[in-house]
C-alpha cells in the first residue's frame, strides 16, 4: 500500500488539468503523478519536462526504454520495471529479454548500439565517477551531443524515480514479472 494517498486530476488546480491529461498520454503513471501532486511544483515540473521530451523525440524510444529498464533492474524498482517493460516490448524486446538486460553482452535481442546504451545506463547508475572517455567516443559514433545529454539525464532521473517510488511504496496495477533472485527484500515485509 502506498505510504502517501493518491491525488487525482480533480484535486489539481484547473490550470493543471491539461497537464494531467497530457501525462496520461505518456503511459499509466497516474499513481506516481497522484503522489507527486501533493507538491504541485514537483508534479508540474516533472510532467512538463517528461512530456516535452517525449514530444520532441530526439532519442529513440527503444534506447530510452532500454536505459530506463536497465536502471530500474539495477535499483530493483518493481514499479518502474512493471511500467516500462511493456513499453520496451513495443520496441521489440520480449518481457523475458527485458528481465535479463543486465546480461547485455550476450543478449540475443540486442544489437551493438542497444548493448552500448545498456552499458552506458549501468555506468551512469553505478560508475558515474569512474567512467572513462572511451565510452563517450563510442556513444558519439551513434548519438549527437544533445542525444547523449538526454540519455544521461533520463538515465539519472530514472534512478531518482526508482528511489521516489520505492521509499513511498507507490503502488502499481500490474506487478512486474521479476525472477526471485532479482528482487530485493522489502523493509516492511
N, C-alpha and C. Protein backbone atom coordinates (compact mmCIF):
# COMPACT_ATOMS: atom_id res chain seq x y z
N UNK A 1 0.84 -1.18 0.00
CA UNK A 1 0.00 0.00 0.00
C UNK A 1 0.89 1.25 0.00
N UNK A 2 0.54 2.20 -0.83
CA UNK A 2 1.31 3.43 -0.92
C UNK A 2 1.32 4.15 0.42
N UNK A 3 2.47 4.70 0.75
CA UNK A 3 2.61 5.43 2.02
C UNK A 3 2.00 6.83 1.95
N UNK A 4 1.69 7.27 0.75
CA UNK A 4 1.09 8.59 0.53
C UNK A 4 -0.20 8.39 -0.26
N UNK A 5 -1.25 9.07 0.15
CA UNK A 5 -2.52 8.94 -0.58
C UNK A 5 -2.36 9.51 -1.99
N UNK A 6 -3.12 8.95 -2.89
CA UNK A 6 -3.07 9.39 -4.28
C UNK A 6 -4.06 10.51 -4.52
N UNK A 7 -3.60 11.51 -5.22
CA UNK A 7 -4.49 12.57 -5.69
C UNK A 7 -4.81 12.28 -7.15
N UNK A 8 -5.86 12.89 -7.60
CA UNK A 8 -6.26 12.72 -8.99
C UNK A 8 -6.39 14.06 -9.69
N UNK A 9 -6.81 14.00 -10.91
CA UNK A 9 -6.96 15.21 -11.72
C UNK A 9 -7.83 16.24 -11.02
N UNK A 10 -8.93 15.79 -10.44
CA UNK A 10 -9.86 16.72 -9.80
C UNK A 10 -9.28 17.41 -8.56
N UNK A 11 -8.21 16.88 -8.01
CA UNK A 11 -7.55 17.50 -6.86
C UNK A 11 -6.60 18.63 -7.25
N UNK A 12 -6.30 18.71 -8.53
CA UNK A 12 -5.37 19.73 -9.02
C UNK A 12 -6.10 21.02 -9.34
N UNK A 13 -5.38 22.15 -9.31
CA UNK A 13 -5.99 23.38 -9.82
C UNK A 13 -6.36 23.19 -11.29
N UNK A 14 -7.43 23.81 -11.69
CA UNK A 14 -7.93 23.63 -13.05
C UNK A 14 -6.86 23.93 -14.11
N UNK A 15 -5.97 24.85 -13.82
CA UNK A 15 -4.93 25.20 -14.78
C UNK A 15 -3.99 24.03 -15.06
N UNK A 16 -3.92 23.06 -14.15
CA UNK A 16 -3.05 21.90 -14.36
C UNK A 16 -3.78 20.69 -14.95
N UNK A 17 -5.09 20.79 -15.17
CA UNK A 17 -5.83 19.67 -15.76
C UNK A 17 -5.29 19.29 -17.14
N UNK A 18 -4.96 20.26 -18.01
CA UNK A 18 -4.38 19.85 -19.31
C UNK A 18 -3.06 19.09 -19.16
N UNK A 19 -2.25 19.45 -18.17
CA UNK A 19 -1.01 18.72 -17.96
C UNK A 19 -1.29 17.30 -17.48
N UNK A 20 -2.27 17.14 -16.59
CA UNK A 20 -2.66 15.80 -16.14
C UNK A 20 -3.09 14.97 -17.35
N UNK A 21 -3.92 15.56 -18.21
CA UNK A 21 -4.39 14.85 -19.41
C UNK A 21 -3.21 14.46 -20.31
N UNK A 22 -2.27 15.37 -20.46
CA UNK A 22 -1.08 15.09 -21.27
C UNK A 22 -0.25 13.98 -20.63
N UNK A 23 -0.11 14.03 -19.29
CA UNK A 23 0.63 13.00 -18.55
C UNK A 23 0.02 11.63 -18.83
N UNK A 24 -1.29 11.55 -18.90
CA UNK A 24 -1.94 10.26 -19.13
C UNK A 24 -1.63 9.70 -20.51
N UNK A 25 -1.26 10.53 -21.47
CA UNK A 25 -0.88 10.01 -22.79
C UNK A 25 0.54 9.44 -22.77
N UNK A 26 1.30 9.74 -21.75
CA UNK A 26 2.68 9.29 -21.60
C UNK A 26 2.74 7.82 -21.19
N UNK A 27 1.70 7.38 -20.50
CA UNK A 27 1.64 6.00 -20.02
C UNK A 27 0.81 5.93 -18.76
N UNK A 28 0.73 4.76 -18.17
CA UNK A 28 -0.09 4.55 -16.98
C UNK A 28 0.70 4.94 -15.72
N UNK A 29 0.83 6.24 -15.52
CA UNK A 29 1.61 6.75 -14.39
C UNK A 29 0.77 7.61 -13.47
N UNK A 30 -0.56 7.44 -13.49
CA UNK A 30 -1.44 8.26 -12.65
C UNK A 30 -1.15 8.06 -11.17
N UNK A 31 -0.74 6.87 -10.79
CA UNK A 31 -0.44 6.62 -9.37
C UNK A 31 0.80 7.42 -8.95
N UNK A 32 1.84 7.39 -9.74
CA UNK A 32 3.04 8.17 -9.42
C UNK A 32 2.73 9.67 -9.46
N UNK A 33 2.02 10.10 -10.48
CA UNK A 33 1.65 11.51 -10.59
C UNK A 33 0.74 11.91 -9.43
N UNK A 34 -0.12 10.99 -9.00
CA UNK A 34 -1.01 11.27 -7.89
C UNK A 34 -0.28 11.49 -6.58
N UNK A 35 0.86 10.83 -6.41
CA UNK A 35 1.70 11.07 -5.23
C UNK A 35 2.43 12.41 -5.40
N UNK A 36 2.98 12.63 -6.59
CA UNK A 36 3.68 13.89 -6.85
C UNK A 36 2.77 15.10 -6.68
N UNK A 37 1.49 14.91 -6.93
CA UNK A 37 0.54 16.03 -6.89
C UNK A 37 0.38 16.63 -5.49
N UNK A 38 0.91 15.99 -4.49
CA UNK A 38 0.91 16.60 -3.15
C UNK A 38 1.77 17.85 -3.12
N UNK A 39 2.73 17.93 -4.03
CA UNK A 39 3.57 19.12 -4.18
C UNK A 39 3.50 19.54 -5.63
N UNK A 40 2.67 20.55 -5.88
CA UNK A 40 2.39 20.94 -7.26
C UNK A 40 3.63 21.29 -8.08
N UNK A 41 4.66 21.94 -7.51
CA UNK A 41 5.85 22.19 -8.33
C UNK A 41 6.52 20.89 -8.80
N UNK A 42 6.52 19.87 -7.97
CA UNK A 42 7.11 18.58 -8.37
C UNK A 42 6.28 17.97 -9.49
N UNK A 43 4.97 17.90 -9.31
CA UNK A 43 4.10 17.36 -10.36
C UNK A 43 4.27 18.14 -11.66
N UNK A 44 4.14 19.45 -11.55
CA UNK A 44 4.14 20.28 -12.76
C UNK A 44 5.47 20.22 -13.51
N UNK A 45 6.57 20.42 -12.81
CA UNK A 45 7.85 20.47 -13.50
C UNK A 45 8.27 19.10 -14.02
N UNK A 46 8.00 18.06 -13.26
CA UNK A 46 8.35 16.71 -13.72
C UNK A 46 7.59 16.36 -14.99
N UNK A 47 6.27 16.56 -14.96
CA UNK A 47 5.47 16.12 -16.10
C UNK A 47 5.57 17.04 -17.29
N UNK A 48 5.81 18.33 -17.06
CA UNK A 48 6.07 19.22 -18.21
C UNK A 48 7.36 18.78 -18.91
N UNK A 49 8.38 18.47 -18.12
CA UNK A 49 9.65 18.05 -18.70
C UNK A 49 9.51 16.73 -19.46
N UNK A 50 8.91 15.72 -18.82
CA UNK A 50 8.80 14.41 -19.46
C UNK A 50 7.96 14.45 -20.72
N UNK A 51 6.85 15.16 -20.69
CA UNK A 51 6.01 15.21 -21.89
C UNK A 51 6.66 16.05 -22.98
N UNK A 52 7.38 17.11 -22.62
CA UNK A 52 8.09 17.91 -23.64
C UNK A 52 9.18 17.08 -24.30
N UNK A 53 9.94 16.33 -23.49
CA UNK A 53 10.98 15.48 -24.07
C UNK A 53 10.37 14.42 -24.99
N UNK A 54 9.25 13.85 -24.58
CA UNK A 54 8.57 12.85 -25.43
C UNK A 54 8.08 13.49 -26.72
N UNK A 55 7.56 14.71 -26.63
CA UNK A 55 7.07 15.39 -27.83
C UNK A 55 8.19 15.67 -28.83
N UNK A 56 9.37 16.04 -28.31
CA UNK A 56 10.49 16.35 -29.20
C UNK A 56 11.08 15.10 -29.83
N UNK A 57 11.14 14.02 -29.09
CA UNK A 57 11.58 12.73 -29.62
C UNK A 57 12.93 12.74 -30.31
N UNK A 58 13.96 13.34 -29.70
CA UNK A 58 15.28 13.34 -30.34
C UNK A 58 16.04 12.04 -30.13
N UNK A 59 15.58 11.22 -29.21
CA UNK A 59 16.21 9.94 -28.92
C UNK A 59 15.16 8.85 -29.10
N UNK A 60 15.51 7.77 -29.73
CA UNK A 60 14.52 6.73 -29.99
C UNK A 60 13.95 6.18 -28.68
N UNK A 61 12.68 5.83 -28.72
CA UNK A 61 12.03 5.26 -27.54
C UNK A 61 12.70 3.95 -27.14
N UNK A 62 13.18 3.22 -28.10
CA UNK A 62 13.87 1.95 -27.79
C UNK A 62 15.06 2.22 -26.88
N UNK A 63 15.88 3.20 -27.22
CA UNK A 63 17.07 3.48 -26.40
C UNK A 63 16.68 4.02 -25.03
N UNK A 64 15.67 4.88 -24.99
CA UNK A 64 15.21 5.40 -23.70
C UNK A 64 14.70 4.28 -22.80
N UNK A 65 13.89 3.41 -23.36
CA UNK A 65 13.32 2.32 -22.56
C UNK A 65 14.39 1.32 -22.15
N UNK A 66 15.37 1.07 -23.01
CA UNK A 66 16.48 0.20 -22.61
C UNK A 66 17.20 0.78 -21.40
N UNK A 67 17.47 2.08 -21.44
CA UNK A 67 18.15 2.74 -20.31
C UNK A 67 17.29 2.70 -19.06
N UNK A 68 16.02 3.01 -19.18
CA UNK A 68 15.12 3.07 -18.02
C UNK A 68 14.96 1.70 -17.38
N UNK A 69 14.74 0.68 -18.18
CA UNK A 69 14.58 -0.67 -17.61
C UNK A 69 15.89 -1.14 -17.00
N UNK A 70 17.01 -0.83 -17.63
CA UNK A 70 18.31 -1.21 -17.07
C UNK A 70 18.50 -0.60 -15.69
N UNK A 71 18.30 0.70 -15.58
CA UNK A 71 18.45 1.38 -14.28
C UNK A 71 17.48 0.79 -13.25
N UNK A 72 16.26 0.56 -13.67
CA UNK A 72 15.24 0.04 -12.75
C UNK A 72 15.56 -1.38 -12.29
N UNK A 73 16.17 -2.18 -13.17
CA UNK A 73 16.63 -3.50 -12.75
C UNK A 73 17.78 -3.39 -11.76
N UNK A 74 18.73 -2.50 -12.05
CA UNK A 74 19.86 -2.30 -11.14
C UNK A 74 19.38 -1.88 -9.75
N UNK A 75 18.40 -0.97 -9.73
CA UNK A 75 17.89 -0.44 -8.47
C UNK A 75 16.74 -1.28 -7.91
N UNK A 76 16.39 -2.33 -8.63
CA UNK A 76 15.33 -3.25 -8.22
C UNK A 76 14.02 -2.53 -7.91
N UNK A 77 13.64 -1.62 -8.80
CA UNK A 77 12.40 -0.86 -8.65
C UNK A 77 11.27 -1.58 -9.40
N UNK A 78 10.46 -2.31 -8.66
CA UNK A 78 9.37 -3.06 -9.27
C UNK A 78 8.40 -2.15 -10.03
N UNK A 79 8.13 -0.97 -9.47
CA UNK A 79 7.19 -0.04 -10.11
C UNK A 79 7.67 0.30 -11.52
N UNK A 80 8.92 0.73 -11.64
CA UNK A 80 9.43 1.16 -12.94
C UNK A 80 9.62 0.00 -13.91
N UNK A 81 10.09 -1.13 -13.42
CA UNK A 81 10.23 -2.30 -14.28
C UNK A 81 8.85 -2.68 -14.82
N UNK A 82 7.86 -2.68 -13.94
CA UNK A 82 6.50 -3.04 -14.34
C UNK A 82 5.94 -2.10 -15.40
N UNK A 83 6.18 -0.81 -15.24
CA UNK A 83 5.61 0.17 -16.15
C UNK A 83 6.39 0.30 -17.46
N UNK A 84 7.67 0.00 -17.44
CA UNK A 84 8.47 0.21 -18.65
C UNK A 84 8.75 -1.06 -19.45
N UNK A 85 8.60 -2.23 -18.86
CA UNK A 85 8.79 -3.46 -19.63
C UNK A 85 7.81 -3.54 -20.79
N UNK A 86 6.52 -3.21 -20.61
CA UNK A 86 5.61 -3.23 -21.77
C UNK A 86 6.01 -2.21 -22.84
N UNK A 87 6.55 -1.06 -22.43
CA UNK A 87 7.00 -0.07 -23.40
C UNK A 87 8.20 -0.61 -24.18
N UNK A 88 9.03 -1.37 -23.52
CA UNK A 88 10.17 -1.98 -24.18
C UNK A 88 9.71 -3.10 -25.12
N UNK A 89 8.65 -3.81 -24.74
CA UNK A 89 8.10 -4.85 -25.61
C UNK A 89 7.62 -4.26 -26.93
N UNK A 90 7.04 -3.07 -26.87
CA UNK A 90 6.61 -2.38 -28.09
C UNK A 90 7.81 -2.09 -28.98
N UNK A 91 8.97 -1.93 -28.37
CA UNK A 91 10.20 -1.64 -29.10
C UNK A 91 10.93 -2.92 -29.54
N UNK A 92 10.31 -4.08 -29.33
CA UNK A 92 10.86 -5.33 -29.86
C UNK A 92 11.65 -6.17 -28.88
N UNK A 93 11.64 -5.83 -27.61
CA UNK A 93 12.34 -6.64 -26.60
C UNK A 93 11.29 -7.40 -25.80
N UNK A 94 11.38 -8.70 -25.79
CA UNK A 94 10.40 -9.52 -25.07
C UNK A 94 10.46 -9.24 -23.57
N UNK A 95 9.39 -9.54 -22.84
CA UNK A 95 9.43 -9.39 -21.38
C UNK A 95 10.57 -10.19 -20.74
N UNK A 96 10.81 -11.38 -21.27
CA UNK A 96 11.92 -12.19 -20.76
C UNK A 96 13.25 -11.52 -21.07
N UNK A 97 13.35 -10.97 -22.26
CA UNK A 97 14.57 -10.26 -22.65
C UNK A 97 14.80 -9.02 -21.80
N UNK A 98 13.72 -8.34 -21.46
CA UNK A 98 13.82 -7.16 -20.60
C UNK A 98 14.36 -7.54 -19.23
N UNK A 99 13.92 -8.68 -18.71
CA UNK A 99 14.35 -9.11 -17.38
C UNK A 99 15.83 -9.47 -17.33
N UNK A 100 16.42 -9.73 -18.48
CA UNK A 100 17.84 -10.11 -18.48
C UNK A 100 18.74 -9.09 -19.16
N UNK A 101 18.32 -7.83 -19.15
CA UNK A 101 19.13 -6.78 -19.76
C UNK A 101 20.51 -6.62 -19.12
N UNK A 102 20.61 -6.92 -17.85
CA UNK A 102 21.90 -6.75 -17.17
C UNK A 102 22.94 -7.74 -17.70
N UNK A 103 22.48 -8.78 -18.38
CA UNK A 103 23.37 -9.72 -19.07
C UNK A 103 23.43 -9.33 -20.55
N UNK A 104 23.68 -8.07 -20.79
CA UNK A 104 23.58 -7.49 -22.13
C UNK A 104 24.63 -7.99 -23.12
N UNK A 105 25.79 -8.36 -22.65
CA UNK A 105 26.89 -8.67 -23.57
C UNK A 105 26.56 -9.81 -24.53
N UNK A 106 25.83 -10.81 -24.08
CA UNK A 106 25.45 -11.94 -24.93
C UNK A 106 23.94 -11.99 -25.17
N UNK A 107 23.27 -10.86 -25.02
CA UNK A 107 21.81 -10.81 -25.13
C UNK A 107 21.40 -10.95 -26.60
N UNK A 108 20.62 -11.98 -26.94
CA UNK A 108 20.28 -12.22 -28.35
C UNK A 108 19.31 -11.20 -28.95
N UNK A 109 18.62 -10.43 -28.13
CA UNK A 109 17.65 -9.46 -28.66
C UNK A 109 18.24 -8.07 -28.84
N UNK A 110 19.50 -7.88 -28.50
CA UNK A 110 20.12 -6.56 -28.56
C UNK A 110 21.16 -6.50 -29.66
N UNK A 111 21.14 -5.38 -30.39
CA UNK A 111 22.22 -5.15 -31.36
C UNK A 111 23.35 -4.39 -30.66
N UNK A 112 24.38 -4.04 -31.39
CA UNK A 112 25.56 -3.41 -30.79
C UNK A 112 25.23 -2.06 -30.13
N UNK A 113 24.37 -1.26 -30.75
CA UNK A 113 24.01 0.04 -30.17
C UNK A 113 23.15 -0.16 -28.93
N UNK A 114 22.22 -1.11 -28.96
CA UNK A 114 21.43 -1.43 -27.77
C UNK A 114 22.34 -1.78 -26.60
N UNK A 115 23.33 -2.62 -26.87
CA UNK A 115 24.26 -3.04 -25.82
C UNK A 115 25.05 -1.86 -25.28
N UNK A 116 25.42 -0.93 -26.15
CA UNK A 116 26.13 0.27 -25.72
C UNK A 116 25.23 1.11 -24.80
N UNK A 117 23.97 1.24 -25.14
CA UNK A 117 23.03 2.00 -24.32
C UNK A 117 22.90 1.36 -22.94
N UNK A 118 22.77 0.04 -22.89
CA UNK A 118 22.67 -0.66 -21.61
C UNK A 118 23.96 -0.48 -20.82
N UNK A 119 25.09 -0.63 -21.48
CA UNK A 119 26.38 -0.44 -20.81
C UNK A 119 26.47 0.98 -20.23
N UNK A 120 26.03 1.96 -21.00
CA UNK A 120 26.08 3.35 -20.53
C UNK A 120 25.12 3.58 -19.36
N UNK A 121 23.93 3.00 -19.42
CA UNK A 121 22.98 3.14 -18.31
C UNK A 121 23.57 2.55 -17.02
N UNK A 122 24.28 1.46 -17.15
CA UNK A 122 24.94 0.86 -15.99
C UNK A 122 26.03 1.81 -15.47
N UNK A 123 26.78 2.41 -16.39
CA UNK A 123 27.84 3.34 -15.98
C UNK A 123 27.25 4.56 -15.28
N UNK A 124 26.20 5.12 -15.83
CA UNK A 124 25.56 6.30 -15.22
C UNK A 124 25.04 5.96 -13.82
N UNK A 125 24.55 4.75 -13.65
CA UNK A 125 23.95 4.35 -12.38
C UNK A 125 24.99 3.91 -11.35
N UNK A 126 25.98 3.15 -11.78
CA UNK A 126 26.90 2.54 -10.83
C UNK A 126 28.32 3.08 -10.86
N UNK A 127 28.72 3.68 -11.97
CA UNK A 127 30.13 4.05 -12.13
C UNK A 127 30.32 5.49 -12.60
N UNK A 128 29.40 6.39 -12.28
CA UNK A 128 29.43 7.74 -12.85
C UNK A 128 30.74 8.47 -12.59
N UNK A 129 31.37 8.24 -11.47
CA UNK A 129 32.61 8.96 -11.17
C UNK A 129 33.85 8.26 -11.71
N UNK A 130 33.68 7.07 -12.25
CA UNK A 130 34.81 6.29 -12.76
C UNK A 130 34.66 5.94 -14.24
N UNK A 131 33.75 6.59 -14.91
CA UNK A 131 33.52 6.29 -16.32
C UNK A 131 34.58 6.98 -17.18
N UNK A 132 35.20 6.24 -18.05
CA UNK A 132 36.29 6.73 -18.88
C UNK A 132 35.77 7.36 -20.17
N UNK A 133 36.62 8.15 -20.81
CA UNK A 133 36.26 8.83 -22.06
C UNK A 133 35.92 7.85 -23.17
N UNK A 134 36.46 6.66 -23.11
CA UNK A 134 36.29 5.67 -24.17
C UNK A 134 34.82 5.41 -24.50
N UNK A 135 33.97 5.33 -23.48
CA UNK A 135 32.56 5.04 -23.75
C UNK A 135 31.90 6.22 -24.48
N UNK A 136 32.36 7.44 -24.20
CA UNK A 136 31.80 8.61 -24.88
C UNK A 136 32.21 8.64 -26.34
N UNK A 137 33.40 8.19 -26.62
CA UNK A 137 33.83 8.10 -28.03
C UNK A 137 32.93 7.11 -28.78
N UNK A 138 32.62 6.00 -28.14
CA UNK A 138 31.71 5.03 -28.78
C UNK A 138 30.29 5.60 -28.91
N UNK A 139 29.83 6.31 -27.88
CA UNK A 139 28.49 6.92 -27.95
C UNK A 139 28.41 7.93 -29.09
N UNK A 140 29.46 8.73 -29.27
CA UNK A 140 29.46 9.78 -30.29
C UNK A 140 29.42 9.24 -31.72
N UNK A 141 29.72 7.98 -31.89
CA UNK A 141 29.60 7.36 -33.21
C UNK A 141 28.12 7.23 -33.59
N UNK A 142 27.25 7.06 -32.59
CA UNK A 142 25.84 6.77 -32.84
C UNK A 142 24.88 7.89 -32.42
N UNK A 143 25.34 8.77 -31.54
CA UNK A 143 24.46 9.80 -30.98
C UNK A 143 25.14 11.17 -31.04
N UNK A 144 24.33 12.22 -31.28
CA UNK A 144 24.90 13.56 -31.19
C UNK A 144 24.94 13.98 -29.71
N UNK A 145 25.56 15.11 -29.45
CA UNK A 145 25.74 15.52 -28.06
C UNK A 145 24.42 15.77 -27.33
N UNK A 146 23.44 16.32 -28.04
CA UNK A 146 22.12 16.52 -27.42
C UNK A 146 21.49 15.20 -27.02
N UNK A 147 21.62 14.20 -27.86
CA UNK A 147 21.08 12.88 -27.54
C UNK A 147 21.82 12.27 -26.35
N UNK A 148 23.14 12.45 -26.28
CA UNK A 148 23.90 11.93 -25.13
C UNK A 148 23.47 12.63 -23.85
N UNK A 149 23.28 13.94 -23.93
CA UNK A 149 22.81 14.68 -22.75
C UNK A 149 21.45 14.15 -22.31
N UNK A 150 20.53 13.98 -23.25
CA UNK A 150 19.20 13.48 -22.87
C UNK A 150 19.28 12.06 -22.33
N UNK A 151 20.05 11.20 -22.96
CA UNK A 151 20.20 9.83 -22.47
C UNK A 151 20.75 9.83 -21.05
N UNK A 152 21.73 10.67 -20.79
CA UNK A 152 22.31 10.77 -19.46
C UNK A 152 21.29 11.29 -18.46
N UNK A 153 20.60 12.37 -18.83
CA UNK A 153 19.60 12.96 -17.93
C UNK A 153 18.49 11.98 -17.61
N UNK A 154 17.96 11.34 -18.64
CA UNK A 154 16.83 10.42 -18.43
C UNK A 154 17.27 9.20 -17.61
N UNK A 155 18.50 8.75 -17.80
CA UNK A 155 19.01 7.62 -17.03
C UNK A 155 19.17 8.01 -15.56
N UNK A 156 19.78 9.15 -15.31
CA UNK A 156 19.95 9.62 -13.93
C UNK A 156 18.61 9.92 -13.28
N UNK A 157 17.70 10.53 -14.02
CA UNK A 157 16.37 10.85 -13.50
C UNK A 157 15.61 9.57 -13.14
N UNK A 158 15.80 8.54 -13.93
CA UNK A 158 15.14 7.27 -13.63
C UNK A 158 15.58 6.74 -12.27
N UNK A 159 16.85 6.89 -11.95
CA UNK A 159 17.33 6.48 -10.64
C UNK A 159 16.61 7.23 -9.52
N UNK A 160 16.36 8.52 -9.74
CA UNK A 160 15.61 9.30 -8.75
C UNK A 160 14.17 8.78 -8.65
N UNK A 161 13.55 8.50 -9.80
CA UNK A 161 12.19 7.95 -9.77
C UNK A 161 12.16 6.61 -9.04
N UNK A 162 13.17 5.77 -9.27
CA UNK A 162 13.23 4.48 -8.58
C UNK A 162 13.18 4.69 -7.07
N UNK A 163 13.98 5.60 -6.58
CA UNK A 163 14.03 5.85 -5.14
C UNK A 163 12.72 6.44 -4.63
N UNK A 164 12.17 7.40 -5.37
CA UNK A 164 10.90 8.03 -5.01
C UNK A 164 9.80 6.97 -4.90
N UNK A 165 9.69 6.14 -5.93
CA UNK A 165 8.63 5.12 -5.96
C UNK A 165 8.80 4.08 -4.86
N UNK A 166 10.04 3.65 -4.65
CA UNK A 166 10.27 2.60 -3.65
C UNK A 166 10.08 3.09 -2.22
N UNK A 167 10.65 4.24 -1.88
CA UNK A 167 10.55 4.69 -0.49
C UNK A 167 9.10 5.05 -0.12
N UNK A 168 8.34 5.55 -1.08
CA UNK A 168 6.94 5.89 -0.82
C UNK A 168 6.00 4.74 -1.13
N UNK A 169 6.56 3.63 -1.58
CA UNK A 169 5.81 2.43 -1.95
C UNK A 169 4.63 2.76 -2.87
N UNK A 170 4.94 3.53 -3.92
CA UNK A 170 3.91 3.86 -4.90
C UNK A 170 3.43 2.56 -5.51
N UNK A 171 2.14 2.38 -5.50
CA UNK A 171 1.56 1.13 -5.98
C UNK A 171 1.45 1.12 -7.50
N UNK A 172 1.32 -0.07 -8.04
CA UNK A 172 1.12 -0.24 -9.46
C UNK A 172 0.10 -1.34 -9.67
N UNK A 173 -0.62 -1.23 -10.77
CA UNK A 173 -1.71 -2.16 -11.02
C UNK A 173 -1.22 -3.54 -11.44
N UNK A 174 -0.15 -3.60 -12.24
CA UNK A 174 0.32 -4.87 -12.78
C UNK A 174 1.73 -5.14 -12.29
N UNK A 175 1.91 -6.10 -11.39
CA UNK A 175 3.26 -6.35 -10.88
C UNK A 175 4.20 -6.84 -11.98
N UNK A 176 5.44 -6.45 -11.85
CA UNK A 176 6.46 -6.85 -12.82
C UNK A 176 6.80 -8.31 -12.64
N UNK A 177 6.93 -9.05 -13.75
CA UNK A 177 7.38 -10.43 -13.63
C UNK A 177 8.88 -10.48 -13.41
N UNK A 178 9.31 -10.50 -12.16
CA UNK A 178 10.74 -10.49 -11.86
C UNK A 178 11.15 -11.82 -11.25
N UNK A 179 12.28 -12.35 -11.70
CA UNK A 179 12.75 -13.59 -11.09
C UNK A 179 13.09 -13.35 -9.62
N UNK A 180 12.94 -14.36 -8.80
CA UNK A 180 13.14 -14.23 -7.36
C UNK A 180 14.52 -13.68 -7.02
N UNK A 181 15.55 -14.10 -7.74
CA UNK A 181 16.89 -13.63 -7.42
C UNK A 181 17.11 -12.17 -7.76
N UNK A 182 16.25 -11.58 -8.58
CA UNK A 182 16.40 -10.16 -8.96
C UNK A 182 15.64 -9.24 -8.02
N UNK A 183 14.91 -9.80 -7.08
CA UNK A 183 14.11 -8.99 -6.17
C UNK A 183 14.86 -8.77 -4.86
N UNK A 184 14.70 -7.59 -4.31
CA UNK A 184 15.32 -7.30 -3.02
C UNK A 184 14.27 -7.43 -1.93
N UNK A 185 14.66 -7.80 -0.74
CA UNK A 185 13.69 -7.87 0.36
C UNK A 185 13.21 -6.48 0.72
N UNK A 186 11.96 -6.39 1.06
CA UNK A 186 11.37 -5.12 1.47
C UNK A 186 11.64 -4.89 2.94
N UNK A 187 11.80 -3.64 3.30
CA UNK A 187 12.00 -3.29 4.71
C UNK A 187 10.73 -3.46 5.52
N UNK A 188 9.59 -3.60 4.83
CA UNK A 188 8.34 -3.74 5.57
C UNK A 188 7.79 -5.15 5.55
N UNK A 189 8.48 -6.07 4.91
CA UNK A 189 8.00 -7.48 4.86
C UNK A 189 8.18 -8.17 6.20
